[in-house]
C-alpha atoms as a PDB file:
ATOM      1  CA  MET A   1     -71.411  57.522  11.895  1.00  0.00           C
ATOM      2  CA  SER A   2     -70.136  55.690   8.932  1.00  0.00           C
ATOM      3  CA  SER A   3     -66.477  55.808   8.131  1.00  0.00           C
ATOM      4  CA  SER A   4     -65.658  57.100   4.744  1.00  0.00           C
ATOM      5  CA  SER A   5     -63.232  55.115   2.462  1.00  0.00           C
ATOM      6  CA  SER A   6     -59.793  56.688   2.251  1.00  0.00           C
ATOM      7  CA  ARG A   7     -57.705  56.781  -0.849  1.00  0.00           C
ATOM      8  CA  PRO A   8     -54.508  54.778  -0.991  1.00  0.00           C
ATOM      9  CA  PRO A   9     -51.429  56.886  -0.535  1.00  0.00           C
ATOM     10  CA  ALA A  10     -49.639  57.991  -3.612  1.00  0.00           C
ATOM     11  CA  GLY A  11     -46.394  56.320  -4.589  1.00  0.00           C
ATOM     12  CA  PRO A  12     -45.361  52.692  -4.538  1.00  0.00           C
ATOM     13  CA  ALA A  13     -47.543  50.339  -2.604  1.00  0.00           C
ATOM     14  CA  ALA A  14     -46.247  49.407   0.847  1.00  0.00           C
ATOM     15  CA  ALA A  15     -45.787  45.734   1.531  1.00  0.00           C
ATOM     16  CA  PRO A  16     -48.463  44.443   3.885  1.00  0.00           C
ATOM     17  CA  ALA A  17     -47.248  43.407   7.323  1.00  0.00           C
ATOM     18  CA  PRO A  18     -47.607  39.729   8.059  1.00  0.00           C
ATOM     19  CA  ASP A  19     -50.172  38.598  10.583  1.00  0.00           C
ATOM     20  CA  ALA A  20     -48.836  37.566  13.955  1.00  0.00           C
ATOM     21  CA  GLY A  21     -48.514  33.876  14.116  1.00  0.00           C
ATOM     22  CA  GLY A  22     -49.487  33.432  10.472  1.00  0.00           C
ATOM     23  CA  PRO A  23     -47.357  32.418   7.491  1.00  0.00           C
ATOM     24  CA  SER A  24     -45.135  35.032   5.962  1.00  0.00           C
ATOM     25  CA  ALA A  25     -46.143  36.458   2.639  1.00  0.00           C
ATOM     26  CA  PRO A  26     -43.951  35.308  -0.269  1.00  0.00           C
ATOM     27  CA  ARG A  27     -41.133  37.677  -1.073  1.00  0.00           C
ATOM     28  CA  PRO A  28     -41.459  39.295  -4.464  1.00  0.00           C
ATOM     29  CA  MET A  29     -38.956  38.183  -7.126  1.00  0.00           C
ATOM     30  CA  LEU A  30     -36.655  40.939  -8.270  1.00  0.00           C
ATOM     31  CA  ARG A  31     -35.719  41.227 -11.916  1.00  0.00           C
ATOM     32  CA  ARG A  32     -33.042  43.379 -13.408  1.00  0.00           C
ATOM     33  CA  PRO A  33     -34.777  46.245 -15.190  1.00  0.00           C
ATOM     34  CA  VAL A  34     -34.252  46.646 -18.867  1.00  0.00           C
ATOM     35  CA  ILE A  35     -32.911  50.045 -19.681  1.00  0.00           C
ATOM     36  CA  ALA A  36     -34.595  51.485 -22.652  1.00  0.00           C
ATOM     37  CA  GLY A  37     -32.456  52.172 -25.625  1.00  0.00           C
ATOM     38  CA  LYS A  38     -29.757  49.590 -24.658  1.00  0.00           C
ATOM     39  CA  ALA A  39     -29.767  46.073 -26.020  1.00  0.00           C
ATOM     40  CA  ALA A  40     -28.933  43.234 -23.650  1.00  0.00           C
ATOM     41  CA  LYS A  41     -25.436  41.815 -24.036  1.00  0.00           C
ATOM     42  CA  ALA A  42     -25.357  38.436 -25.665  1.00  0.00           C
ATOM     43  CA  ALA A  43     -23.290  35.687 -23.975  1.00  0.00           C
ATOM     44  CA  PRO A  44     -19.972  35.213 -25.770  1.00  0.00           C
ATOM     45  CA  ALA A  45     -19.835  32.121 -27.916  1.00  0.00           C
ATOM     46  CA  ARG A  46     -17.675  29.308 -26.481  1.00  0.00           C
ATOM     47  CA  PRO A  47     -14.837  28.471 -28.869  1.00  0.00           C
ATOM     48  CA  ALA A  48     -14.868  25.020 -30.362  1.00  0.00           C
ATOM     49  CA  PRO A  49     -12.265  22.640 -28.809  1.00  0.00           C
ATOM     50  CA  PRO A  50      -9.211  21.968 -30.946  1.00  0.00           C
ATOM     51  CA  PRO A  51      -9.182  18.635 -32.695  1.00  0.00           C
ATOM     52  CA  ARG A  52      -7.549  15.873 -30.617  1.00  0.00           C
ATOM     53  CA  PRO A  53      -4.197  14.830 -32.042  1.00  0.00           C
ATOM     54  CA  SER A  54      -3.953  11.287 -33.200  1.00  0.00           C
ATOM     55  CA  ARG A  55      -2.097   9.027 -30.748  1.00  0.00           C
ATOM     56  CA  ALA A  56       1.441   8.281 -31.766  1.00  0.00           C
ATOM     57  CA  PRO A  57       2.372   4.636 -32.232  1.00  0.00           C
ATOM     58  CA  ALA A  58       4.136   2.888 -29.330  1.00  0.00           C
ATOM     59  CA  PRO A  59       7.929   3.158 -29.357  1.00  0.00           C
ATOM     60  CA  SER A  60       9.820   0.012 -30.168  1.00  0.00           C
ATOM     61  CA  GLY A  61      11.029  -0.348 -26.576  1.00  0.00           C
ATOM     62  CA  TYR A  62       7.492  -0.448 -25.183  1.00  0.00           C
ATOM     63  CA  ARG A  63       4.678  -2.954 -25.254  1.00  0.00           C
ATOM     64  CA  THR A  64       0.963  -2.244 -25.657  1.00  0.00           C
ATOM     65  CA  ALA A  65      -1.917  -3.619 -23.659  1.00  0.00           C
ATOM     66  CA  SER A  66      -4.124  -6.266 -25.153  1.00  0.00           C
ATOM     67  CA  GLY A  67      -7.312  -5.048 -26.782  1.00  0.00           C
ATOM     68  CA  THR A  68      -7.914  -2.057 -28.960  1.00  0.00           C
ATOM     69  CA  GLY A  69      -5.791   1.028 -28.902  1.00  0.00           C
ATOM     70  CA  PHE A  70      -2.548   1.928 -27.254  1.00  0.00           C
ATOM     71  CA  VAL A  71      -2.653   2.512 -23.496  1.00  0.00           C
ATOM     72  CA  ALA A  72      -0.107   3.697 -20.941  1.00  0.00           C
ATOM     73  CA  PRO A  73       3.214   2.195 -21.969  1.00  0.00           C
ATOM     74  CA  VAL A  74       5.024  -0.318 -19.839  1.00  0.00           C
ATOM     75  CA  ARG A  75       8.746  -0.534 -20.433  1.00  0.00           C
ATOM     76  CA  GLN A  76      10.022  -3.968 -21.226  1.00  0.00           C
ATOM     77  CA  ALA A  77      12.978  -5.497 -19.408  1.00  0.00           C
ATOM     78  CA  PRO A  78      16.205  -5.030 -21.349  1.00  0.00           C
ATOM     79  CA  ALA A  79      16.956  -7.913 -23.579  1.00  0.00           C
ATOM     80  CA  PRO A  80      19.880 -10.063 -22.419  1.00  0.00           C
ATOM     81  CA  ALA A  81      23.111  -9.725 -24.316  1.00  0.00           C
ATOM     82  CA  ALA A  82      23.133 -12.017 -27.289  1.00  0.00           C
ATOM     83  CA  ARG A  83      25.364 -15.060 -26.972  1.00  0.00           C
ATOM     84  CA  THR A  84      27.991 -15.691 -29.541  1.00  0.00           C
ATOM     85  CA  VAL A  85      29.178 -18.994 -30.895  1.00  0.00           C
ATOM     86  CA  ALA A  86      32.837 -19.318 -31.804  1.00  0.00           C
ATOM     87  CA  PRO A  87      33.916 -21.234 -34.930  1.00  0.00           C
ATOM     88  CA  ASN A  88      34.974 -24.126 -32.700  1.00  0.00           C
ATOM     89  CA  GLY A  89      31.434 -24.369 -31.287  1.00  0.00           C
ATOM     90  CA  LEU A  90      32.129 -22.744 -27.897  1.00  0.00           C
ATOM     91  CA  VAL A  91      29.234 -20.671 -26.543  1.00  0.00           C
ATOM     92  CA  SER A  92      29.850 -17.406 -24.722  1.00  0.00           C
ATOM     93  CA  SER A  93      28.417 -16.385 -21.346  1.00  0.00           C
ATOM     94  CA  ARG A  94      28.258 -13.187 -19.314  1.00  0.00           C
ATOM     95  CA  LEU A  95      31.496 -12.201 -17.655  1.00  0.00           C
ATOM     96  CA  ASN A  96      30.090 -12.150 -14.109  1.00  0.00           C
ATOM     97  CA  LYS A  97      28.642 -15.649 -14.537  1.00  0.00           C
ATOM     98  CA  ARG A  98      31.928 -16.974 -15.908  1.00  0.00           C
ATOM     99  CA  MET A  99      33.909 -15.476 -13.015  1.00  0.00           C
ATOM    100  CA  ALA A 100      31.511 -17.074 -10.519  1.00  0.00           C
ATOM    101  CA  GLU A 101      31.832 -20.450 -12.259  1.00  0.00           C
ATOM    102  CA  LEU A 102      35.627 -20.193 -11.964  1.00  0.00           C
ATOM    103  CA  GLY A 103      35.284 -19.532  -8.225  1.00  0.00           C
ATOM    104  CA  MET A 104      36.889 -16.113  -8.510  1.00  0.00           C
ATOM    105  CA  CYS A 105      34.035 -14.263  -6.773  1.00  0.00           C
ATOM    106  CA  SER A 106      30.263 -13.936  -6.725  1.00  0.00           C
ATOM    107  CA  ARG A 107      28.355 -12.349  -9.613  1.00  0.00           C
ATOM    108  CA  ARG A 108      27.716  -9.231  -7.546  1.00  0.00           C
ATOM    109  CA  GLU A 109      31.393  -8.905  -6.701  1.00  0.00           C
ATOM    110  CA  ALA A 110      32.283  -9.413 -10.357  1.00  0.00           C
ATOM    111  CA  ASP A 111      30.025  -6.518 -11.373  1.00  0.00           C
ATOM    112  CA  GLU A 112      31.570  -4.315  -8.673  1.00  0.00           C
ATOM    113  CA  TRP A 113      35.096  -5.145  -9.828  1.00  0.00           C
ATOM    114  CA  VAL A 114      34.259  -4.563 -13.471  1.00  0.00           C
ATOM    115  CA  ALA A 115      32.774  -1.163 -12.603  1.00  0.00           C
ATOM    116  CA  LEU A 116      36.011  -0.276 -10.781  1.00  0.00           C
ATOM    117  CA  GLY A 117      38.165  -1.398 -13.703  1.00  0.00           C
ATOM    118  CA  TRP A 118      39.752  -4.274 -11.782  1.00  0.00           C
ATOM    119  CA  VAL A 119      38.981  -6.950 -14.398  1.00  0.00           C
ATOM    120  CA  LYS A 120      40.660  -7.562 -17.754  1.00  0.00           C
ATOM    121  CA  VAL A 121      39.690  -9.965 -20.522  1.00  0.00           C
ATOM    122  CA  ASN A 122      42.534 -10.970 -22.826  1.00  0.00           C
ATOM    123  CA  GLY A 123      44.528  -7.972 -21.583  1.00  0.00           C
ATOM    124  CA  GLN A 124      41.752  -5.424 -22.185  1.00  0.00           C
ATOM    125  CA  VAL A 125      39.743  -3.695 -19.432  1.00  0.00           C
ATOM    126  CA  ALA A 126      36.390  -5.463 -19.225  1.00  0.00           C
ATOM    127  CA  GLU A 127      32.994  -3.848 -19.750  1.00  0.00           C
ATOM    128  CA  MET A 128      29.793  -4.423 -17.791  1.00  0.00           C
ATOM    129  CA  GLY A 129      27.741  -7.282 -19.240  1.00  0.00           C
ATOM    130  CA  GLN A 130      30.522  -8.374 -21.565  1.00  0.00           C
ATOM    131  CA  GLN A 131      30.256 -11.799 -23.176  1.00  0.00           C
ATOM    132  CA  VAL A 132      33.252 -14.116 -22.855  1.00  0.00           C
ATOM    133  CA  LEU A 133      34.193 -17.528 -24.184  1.00  0.00           C
ATOM    134  CA  PRO A 134      35.559 -20.368 -22.048  1.00  0.00           C
ATOM    135  CA  THR A 135      38.925 -19.863 -23.740  1.00  0.00           C
ATOM    136  CA  ASP A 136      39.171 -16.137 -22.864  1.00  0.00           C
ATOM    137  CA  ARG A 137      41.764 -15.157 -20.277  1.00  0.00           C
ATOM    138  CA  ILE A 138      40.300 -13.311 -17.279  1.00  0.00           C
ATOM    139  CA  GLU A 139      42.614 -11.380 -14.949  1.00  0.00           C
ATOM    140  CA  VAL A 140      41.740  -9.666 -11.675  1.00  0.00           C
ATOM    141  CA  ASP A 141      43.735  -6.833 -10.170  1.00  0.00           C
ATOM    142  CA  LYS A 142      45.616  -7.584  -6.943  1.00  0.00           C
ATOM    143  CA  VAL A 143      43.668  -4.801  -5.229  1.00  0.00           C
ATOM    144  CA  ALA A 144      40.486  -6.844  -5.634  1.00  0.00           C
ATOM    145  CA  GLN A 145      42.205  -9.976  -4.363  1.00  0.00           C
ATOM    146  CA  SER A 146      43.482  -8.250  -1.219  1.00  0.00           C
ATOM    147  CA  PHE A 147      40.046  -6.695  -0.692  1.00  0.00           C
ATOM    148  CA  GLN A 148      38.498 -10.142  -0.888  1.00  0.00           C
ATOM    149  CA  GLU A 149      40.967 -11.634   1.587  1.00  0.00           C
ATOM    150  CA  GLN A 150      39.781  -9.179   4.237  1.00  0.00           C
ATOM    151  CA  ARG A 151      36.234 -10.526   4.104  1.00  0.00           C
ATOM    152  CA  VAL A 152      35.234 -12.793   6.972  1.00  0.00           C
ATOM    153  CA  THR A 153      33.098 -15.890   7.407  1.00  0.00           C
ATOM    154  CA  ILE A 154      31.484 -16.449  10.798  1.00  0.00           C
ATOM    155  CA  LEU A 155      30.063 -19.591  12.407  1.00  0.00           C
ATOM    156  CA  LEU A 156      27.205 -18.948  14.849  1.00  0.00           C
ATOM    157  CA  HIS A 157      25.408 -21.338  17.200  1.00  0.00           C
ATOM    158  CA  LYS A 158      21.944 -19.871  16.630  1.00  0.00           C
ATOM    159  CA  PRO A 159      19.539 -20.123  19.565  1.00  0.00           C
ATOM    160  CA  MET A 160      15.752 -20.355  19.306  1.00  0.00           C
ATOM    161  CA  GLY A 161      13.814 -17.134  18.757  1.00  0.00           C
ATOM    162  CA  TYR A 162      16.135 -15.623  16.120  1.00  0.00           C
ATOM    163  CA  VAL A 163      15.479 -15.565  12.373  1.00  0.00           C
ATOM    164  CA  SER A 164      18.243 -16.348   9.919  1.00  0.00           C
ATOM    165  CA  GLY A 165      17.753 -13.435   7.538  1.00  0.00           C
ATOM    166  CA  GLN A 166      16.090 -10.033   7.740  1.00  0.00           C
ATOM    167  CA  ALA A 167      14.007  -9.075  10.784  1.00  0.00           C
ATOM    168  CA  GLU A 168      10.395 -10.194  10.364  1.00  0.00           C
ATOM    169  CA  ASP A 169       7.267 -10.085  12.551  1.00  0.00           C
ATOM    170  CA  GLY A 170       9.213  -8.370  15.304  1.00  0.00           C
ATOM    171  CA  HIS A 171      11.799 -11.152  15.575  1.00  0.00           C
ATOM    172  CA  THR A 172      15.506 -10.335  15.812  1.00  0.00           C
ATOM    173  CA  PRO A 173      17.871 -11.429  13.013  1.00  0.00           C
ATOM    174  CA  ALA A 174      20.734 -13.725  13.974  1.00  0.00           C
ATOM    175  CA  VAL A 175      23.332 -11.202  12.792  1.00  0.00           C
ATOM    176  CA  ALA A 176      22.443  -9.111  15.870  1.00  0.00           C
ATOM    177  CA  LEU A 177      24.329 -11.708  17.942  1.00  0.00           C
ATOM    178  CA  ILE A 178      27.628 -10.900  16.212  1.00  0.00           C
ATOM    179  CA  ASN A 179      29.405  -8.551  18.590  1.00  0.00           C
ATOM    180  CA  PRO A 180      32.509  -8.623  20.835  1.00  0.00           C
ATOM    181  CA  ARG A 181      30.562  -9.833  23.898  1.00  0.00           C
ATOM    182  CA  THR A 182      29.314 -13.016  22.177  1.00  0.00           C
ATOM    183  CA  HIS A 183      32.640 -13.901  20.515  1.00  0.00           C
ATOM    184  CA  TRP A 184      33.686 -17.370  21.736  1.00  0.00           C
ATOM    185  CA  ARG A 185      36.667 -17.006  24.023  1.00  0.00           C
ATOM    186  CA  ASP A 186      38.183 -20.289  22.726  1.00  0.00           C
ATOM    187  CA  ASP A 187      38.076 -19.220  19.079  1.00  0.00           C
ATOM    188  CA  PRO A 188      41.335 -20.549  17.542  1.00  0.00           C
ATOM    189  CA  SER A 189      41.308 -17.829  14.862  1.00  0.00           C
ATOM    190  CA  ARG A 190      43.588 -14.834  15.235  1.00  0.00           C
ATOM    191  CA  ASN A 191      41.002 -12.464  13.776  1.00  0.00           C
ATOM    192  CA  ARG A 192      39.783  -9.590  15.874  1.00  0.00           C
ATOM    193  CA  PHE A 193      36.286  -8.207  15.643  1.00  0.00           C
ATOM    194  CA  SER A 194      35.743  -4.815  14.014  1.00  0.00           C
ATOM    195  CA  PRO A 195      32.451  -3.119  12.994  1.00  0.00           C
ATOM    196  CA  PRO A 196      33.271  -3.185   9.227  1.00  0.00           C
ATOM    197  CA  GLN A 197      33.021  -6.976   9.425  1.00  0.00           C
ATOM    198  CA  LEU A 198      29.249  -6.586   9.812  1.00  0.00           C
ATOM    199  CA  ARG A 199      28.962  -4.776   6.471  1.00  0.00           C
ATOM    200  CA  GLY A 200      27.425  -7.124   3.933  1.00  0.00           C
ATOM    201  CA  LEU A 201      27.452 -10.051   6.380  1.00  0.00           C
ATOM    202  CA  ALA A 202      24.706 -12.389   5.148  1.00  0.00           C
ATOM    203  CA  PRO A 203      23.462 -15.862   6.159  1.00  0.00           C
ATOM    204  CA  CYS A 204      24.198 -18.811   3.885  1.00  0.00           C
ATOM    205  CA  GLY A 205      21.021 -20.829   4.050  1.00  0.00           C
ATOM    206  CA  ARG A 206      17.992 -21.039   6.330  1.00  0.00           C
ATOM    207  CA  LEU A 207      17.584 -22.115   9.930  1.00  0.00           C
ATOM    208  CA  ASP A 208      14.035 -21.734  11.257  1.00  0.00           C
ATOM    209  CA  ILE A 209      13.223 -19.465  14.181  1.00  0.00           C
ATOM    210  CA  ASP A 210      12.364 -22.513  16.319  1.00  0.00           C
ATOM    211  CA  SER A 211      15.517 -24.419  15.284  1.00  0.00           C
ATOM    212  CA  VAL A 212      19.029 -24.188  16.697  1.00  0.00           C
ATOM    213  CA  GLY A 213      22.528 -25.030  15.574  1.00  0.00           C
ATOM    214  CA  LEU A 214      25.149 -24.056  13.040  1.00  0.00           C
ATOM    215  CA  LEU A 215      24.493 -20.957  10.937  1.00  0.00           C
ATOM    216  CA  VAL A 216      27.081 -19.554   8.540  1.00  0.00           C
ATOM    217  CA  LEU A 217      27.271 -15.820   7.837  1.00  0.00           C
ATOM    218  CA  THR A 218      29.765 -14.468   5.343  1.00  0.00           C
ATOM    219  CA  GLN A 219      30.991 -11.403   3.477  1.00  0.00           C
ATOM    220  CA  ASP A 220      32.662 -13.621   0.867  1.00  0.00           C
ATOM    221  CA  GLY A 221      30.598 -14.235  -2.237  1.00  0.00           C
ATOM    222  CA  ARG A 222      32.634 -17.339  -3.074  1.00  0.00           C
ATOM    223  CA  VAL A 223      31.597 -18.979   0.191  1.00  0.00           C
ATOM    224  CA  ALA A 224      27.940 -18.026  -0.319  1.00  0.00           C
ATOM    225  CA  ARG A 225      27.874 -19.439  -3.833  1.00  0.00           C
ATOM    226  CA  HIS A 226      29.584 -22.649  -2.694  1.00  0.00           C
ATOM    227  CA  LEU A 227      27.004 -23.218   0.040  1.00  0.00           C
ATOM    228  CA  ILE A 228      23.734 -22.008  -1.486  1.00  0.00           C
ATOM    229  CA  GLY A 229      24.416 -21.656  -5.219  1.00  0.00           C
ATOM    230  CA  GLU A 230      22.186 -23.438  -7.706  1.00  0.00           C
ATOM    231  CA  ASP A 231      24.824 -26.104  -8.327  1.00  0.00           C
ATOM    232  CA  SER A 232      25.854 -26.519  -4.673  1.00  0.00           C
ATOM    233  CA  THR A 233      26.349 -30.096  -3.503  1.00  0.00           C
ATOM    234  CA  VAL A 234      27.339 -29.304   0.093  1.00  0.00           C
ATOM    235  CA  ASP A 235      25.353 -31.472   2.513  1.00  0.00           C
ATOM    236  CA  LYS A 236      23.960 -30.456   5.898  1.00  0.00           C
ATOM    237  CA  GLU A 237      23.441 -32.711   8.922  1.00  0.00           C
ATOM    238  CA  TYR A 238      20.607 -32.353  11.457  1.00  0.00           C
ATOM    239  CA  LEU A 239      19.501 -34.070  14.648  1.00  0.00           C
ATOM    240  CA  VAL A 240      15.692 -34.157  14.808  1.00  0.00           C
ATOM    241  CA  ARG A 241      13.648 -35.176  17.857  1.00  0.00           C
ATOM    242  CA  VAL A 242      10.189 -36.425  16.847  1.00  0.00           C
ATOM    243  CA  GLN A 243       6.846 -37.736  18.102  1.00  0.00           C
ATOM    244  CA  TYR A 244       4.546 -40.195  16.341  1.00  0.00           C
ATOM    245  CA  GLY A 245       0.948 -39.409  17.222  1.00  0.00           C
ATOM    246  CA  ASP A 246       0.755 -39.593  21.002  1.00  0.00           C
ATOM    247  CA  ILE A 247       3.951 -41.616  21.218  1.00  0.00           C
ATOM    248  CA  ALA A 248       6.866 -39.547  22.539  1.00  0.00           C
ATOM    249  CA  THR A 249       9.146 -42.325  23.775  1.00  0.00           C
ATOM    250  CA  ASP A 250      10.553 -45.210  21.734  1.00  0.00           C
ATOM    251  CA  VAL A 251       9.160 -43.704  18.561  1.00  0.00           C
ATOM    252  CA  GLN A 252      11.484 -45.916  16.548  1.00  0.00           C
ATOM    253  CA  SER A 253       9.642 -49.141  17.391  1.00  0.00           C
ATOM    254  CA  ALA A 254       6.228 -47.668  16.533  1.00  0.00           C
ATOM    255  CA  PHE A 255       7.141 -45.858  13.326  1.00  0.00           C
ATOM    256  CA  PRO A 256       6.678 -47.996  10.144  1.00  0.00           C
ATOM    257  CA  ARG A 257       9.868 -48.838   8.263  1.00  0.00           C
ATOM    258  CA  GLU A 258       8.294 -48.081   4.908  1.00  0.00           C
ATOM    259  CA  GLN A 259       7.615 -44.532   6.090  1.00  0.00           C
ATOM    260  CA  LEU A 260      11.281 -44.141   7.014  1.00  0.00           C
ATOM    261  CA  ALA A 261      12.199 -45.247   3.487  1.00  0.00           C
ATOM    262  CA  LEU A 262       9.811 -42.607   2.147  1.00  0.00           C
ATOM    263  CA  LEU A 263      11.685 -39.929   4.111  1.00  0.00           C
ATOM    264  CA  CYS A 264      14.873 -41.016   2.359  1.00  0.00           C
ATOM    265  CA  HIS A 265      13.356 -40.713  -1.106  1.00  0.00           C
ATOM    266  CA  GLY A 266       9.913 -40.305  -2.628  1.00  0.00           C
ATOM    267  CA  LEU A 267       8.470 -37.116  -1.110  1.00  0.00           C
ATOM    268  CA  SER A 268       7.670 -33.853  -2.886  1.00  0.00           C
ATOM    269  CA  LEU A 269       7.358 -30.256  -1.697  1.00  0.00           C
ATOM    270  CA  ASP A 270       5.759 -27.382  -3.587  1.00  0.00           C
ATOM    271  CA  GLY A 271       5.141 -29.652  -6.555  1.00  0.00           C
ATOM    272  CA  GLN A 272       8.806 -30.667  -6.881  1.00  0.00           C
ATOM    273  CA  ALA A 273      10.330 -34.030  -6.040  1.00  0.00           C
ATOM    274  CA  LEU A 274      12.944 -33.834  -3.301  1.00  0.00           C
ATOM    275  CA  LYS A 275      16.475 -35.045  -3.809  1.00  0.00           C
ATOM    276  CA  PRO A 276      17.447 -38.299  -2.075  1.00  0.00           C
ATOM    277  CA  ALA A 277      18.290 -37.817   1.602  1.00  0.00           C
ATOM    278  CA  LYS A 278      19.933 -39.932   4.262  1.00  0.00           C
ATOM    279  CA  VAL A 279      17.602 -40.472   7.215  1.00  0.00           C
ATOM    280  CA  GLU A 280      18.274 -42.929  10.049  1.00  0.00           C
ATOM    281  CA  TRP A 281      17.543 -43.337  13.737  1.00  0.00           C
ATOM    282  CA  GLN A 282      20.109 -41.771  16.068  1.00  0.00           C
ATOM    283  CA  ASN A 283      18.246 -43.055  19.140  1.00  0.00           C
ATOM    284  CA  PRO A 284      14.629 -44.197  19.760  1.00  0.00           C
ATOM    285  CA  GLU A 285      13.332 -40.592  19.817  1.00  0.00           C
ATOM    286  CA  GLN A 286      15.731 -38.850  17.438  1.00  0.00           C
ATOM    287  CA  LEU A 287      16.404 -39.018  13.706  1.00  0.00           C
ATOM    288  CA  ARG A 288      19.541 -38.010  11.845  1.00  0.00           C
ATOM    289  CA  PHE A 289      18.953 -36.181   8.536  1.00  0.00           C
ATOM    290  CA  VAL A 290      21.605 -35.467   5.906  1.00  0.00           C
ATOM    291  CA  LEU A 291      20.358 -33.210   3.088  1.00  0.00           C
ATOM    292  CA  ASN A 292      22.020 -31.431   0.202  1.00  0.00           C
ATOM    293  CA  GLU A 293      19.150 -29.018  -0.418  1.00  0.00           C
ATOM    294  CA  GLY A 294      17.431 -26.523   1.828  1.00  0.00           C
ATOM    295  CA  LYS A 295      13.814 -25.714   1.077  1.00  0.00           C
ATOM    296  CA  LYS A 296      11.848 -23.631   3.571  1.00  0.00           C
ATOM    297  CA  ARG A 297      11.057 -25.721   6.677  1.00  0.00           C
ATOM    298  CA  GLN A 298      11.937 -28.787   4.648  1.00  0.00           C
ATOM    299  CA  ILE A 299      12.534 -31.308   7.446  1.00  0.00           C
ATOM    300  CA  ARG A 300       9.414 -30.303   9.366  1.00  0.00           C
ATOM    301  CA  ARG A 301       7.255 -30.548   6.256  1.00  0.00           C
ATOM    302  CA  MET A 302       8.797 -33.904   5.302  1.00  0.00           C
ATOM    303  CA  CYS A 303       8.011 -35.304   8.746  1.00  0.00           C
ATOM    304  CA  GLU A 304       4.423 -34.025   8.593  1.00  0.00           C
ATOM    305  CA  GLN A 305       3.856 -36.003   5.402  1.00  0.00           C
ATOM    306  CA  VAL A 306       4.673 -39.291   7.186  1.00  0.00           C
ATOM    307  CA  GLY A 307       2.837 -38.531  10.430  1.00  0.00           C
ATOM    308  CA  LEU A 308       5.785 -37.332  12.530  1.00  0.00           C
ATOM    309  CA  LYS A 309       5.849 -34.162  14.591  1.00  0.00           C
ATOM    310  CA  VAL A 310       9.170 -32.379  15.055  1.00  0.00           C
ATOM    311  CA  VAL A 311       9.700 -31.261  18.649  1.00  0.00           C
ATOM    312  CA  GLY A 312      13.375 -30.301  18.327  1.00  0.00           C
ATOM    313  CA  LEU A 313      15.769 -29.619  15.452  1.00  0.00           C
ATOM    314  CA  LYS A 314      19.499 -28.876  15.548  1.00  0.00           C
ATOM    315  CA  ARG A 315      21.959 -28.463  12.669  1.00  0.00           C
ATOM    316  CA  ILE A 316      25.353 -29.863  13.609  1.00  0.00           C
ATOM    317  CA  ARG A 317      27.314 -29.826  10.349  1.00  0.00           C
ATOM    318  CA  ILE A 318      27.631 -28.017   7.006  1.00  0.00           C
ATOM    319  CA  GLY A 319      29.994 -29.772   4.614  1.00  0.00           C
ATOM    320  CA  ARG A 320      33.185 -30.532   6.518  1.00  0.00           C
ATOM    321  CA  VAL A 321      32.618 -27.845   9.166  1.00  0.00           C
ATOM    322  CA  THR A 322      30.977 -28.987  12.405  1.00  0.00           C
ATOM    323  CA  LEU A 323      29.307 -27.116  15.244  1.00  0.00           C
ATOM    324  CA  GLY A 324      31.620 -28.752  17.779  1.00  0.00           C
ATOM    325  CA  ASN A 325      31.764 -27.210  21.249  1.00  0.00           C
ATOM    326  CA  LEU A 326      30.607 -23.746  20.198  1.00  0.00           C
ATOM    327  CA  PRO A 327      28.196 -22.572  22.925  1.00  0.00           C
ATOM    328  CA  VAL A 328      24.625 -21.511  22.146  1.00  0.00           C
ATOM    329  CA  GLY A 329      24.396 -17.824  21.220  1.00  0.00           C
ATOM    330  CA  GLN A 330      28.154 -17.478  20.580  1.00  0.00           C
ATOM    331  CA  TRP A 331      30.199 -17.328  17.371  1.00  0.00           C
ATOM    332  CA  ARG A 332      33.686 -17.818  15.964  1.00  0.00           C
ATOM    333  CA  TYR A 333      35.566 -17.127  12.752  1.00  0.00           C
ATOM    334  CA  LEU A 334      36.062 -19.749  10.054  1.00  0.00           C
ATOM    335  CA  SER A 335      39.734 -20.659  10.308  1.00  0.00           C
ATOM    336  CA  PRO A 336      41.968 -20.390   7.203  1.00  0.00           C
ATOM    337  CA  HIS A 337      42.516 -24.173   7.184  1.00  0.00           C
ATOM    338  CA  GLU A 338      38.772 -24.968   7.325  1.00  0.00           C
ATOM    339  CA  GLN A 339      36.863 -25.657   4.145  1.00  0.00           C
ATOM    340  CA  PHE A 340      33.258 -26.574   3.583  1.00  0.00           C
END
């Protein structure tokens, strides 16, 4: 009996079921129907961007980058105050520099005093950055003078393992040794330690982490300028134990005399010729250096240039102040009668 063909059901066609295990039939794409009698909305037109304003010229206090156009401005450093020349030919200088040259204080202290109104020039209260002539009369209030007298200068016998200045690479700064427990019991000074004495206490010059000896720390800008200022002539004395190649004993007899003369004068560091130094044998294994400059690791680098290796370095004198019997790791005050 043959099967008769049946008509498809009325209405929308049903989606055929996918075969088991076979690929799924693609899903039909749906489109939004267009409603008769209504026009489709047109996309709104994007407004045109406003014209870019022309870049303003650089202000007079700024500089422009090289090339075309003006880029992000970089503010220039303020121009130094213009010097004046008096009719007699004298040239002016900044007030803080002049006060430092006269030994009244450091430049930083001068600026602090001027800001507090403690400085007068020719009877008038001074202004910050003021220019003065060598003939101008500079007066400092007694309050500033008494404040300065309270500042201390400390002499420390620095041991190995401490850095002179700020802490670096995990090493402790020498100022950490300044406390009541390490104050030398035989200190002839009548000063007594107090925590405010640590405020602004700074080293005057370098002493390497692997060197020992006299280190000066001060709150007094006059002392700092005298010892490490650009025009300082204060000399420093060192005892330096050396080796020459594999020779560790009686180095003096093996070391050439012409090389010793070169240590005294003729070497350069960092592209600059060194000032003349006094270098002589203290004993067969130890040299005595007297320098009036203090470049970083200067003695060690000088010795390297002539084939010497420094195995011990100790500073024993700065100016007229000696290390004396001060024990390692202890400190004392600079006495009023002592001068560098």
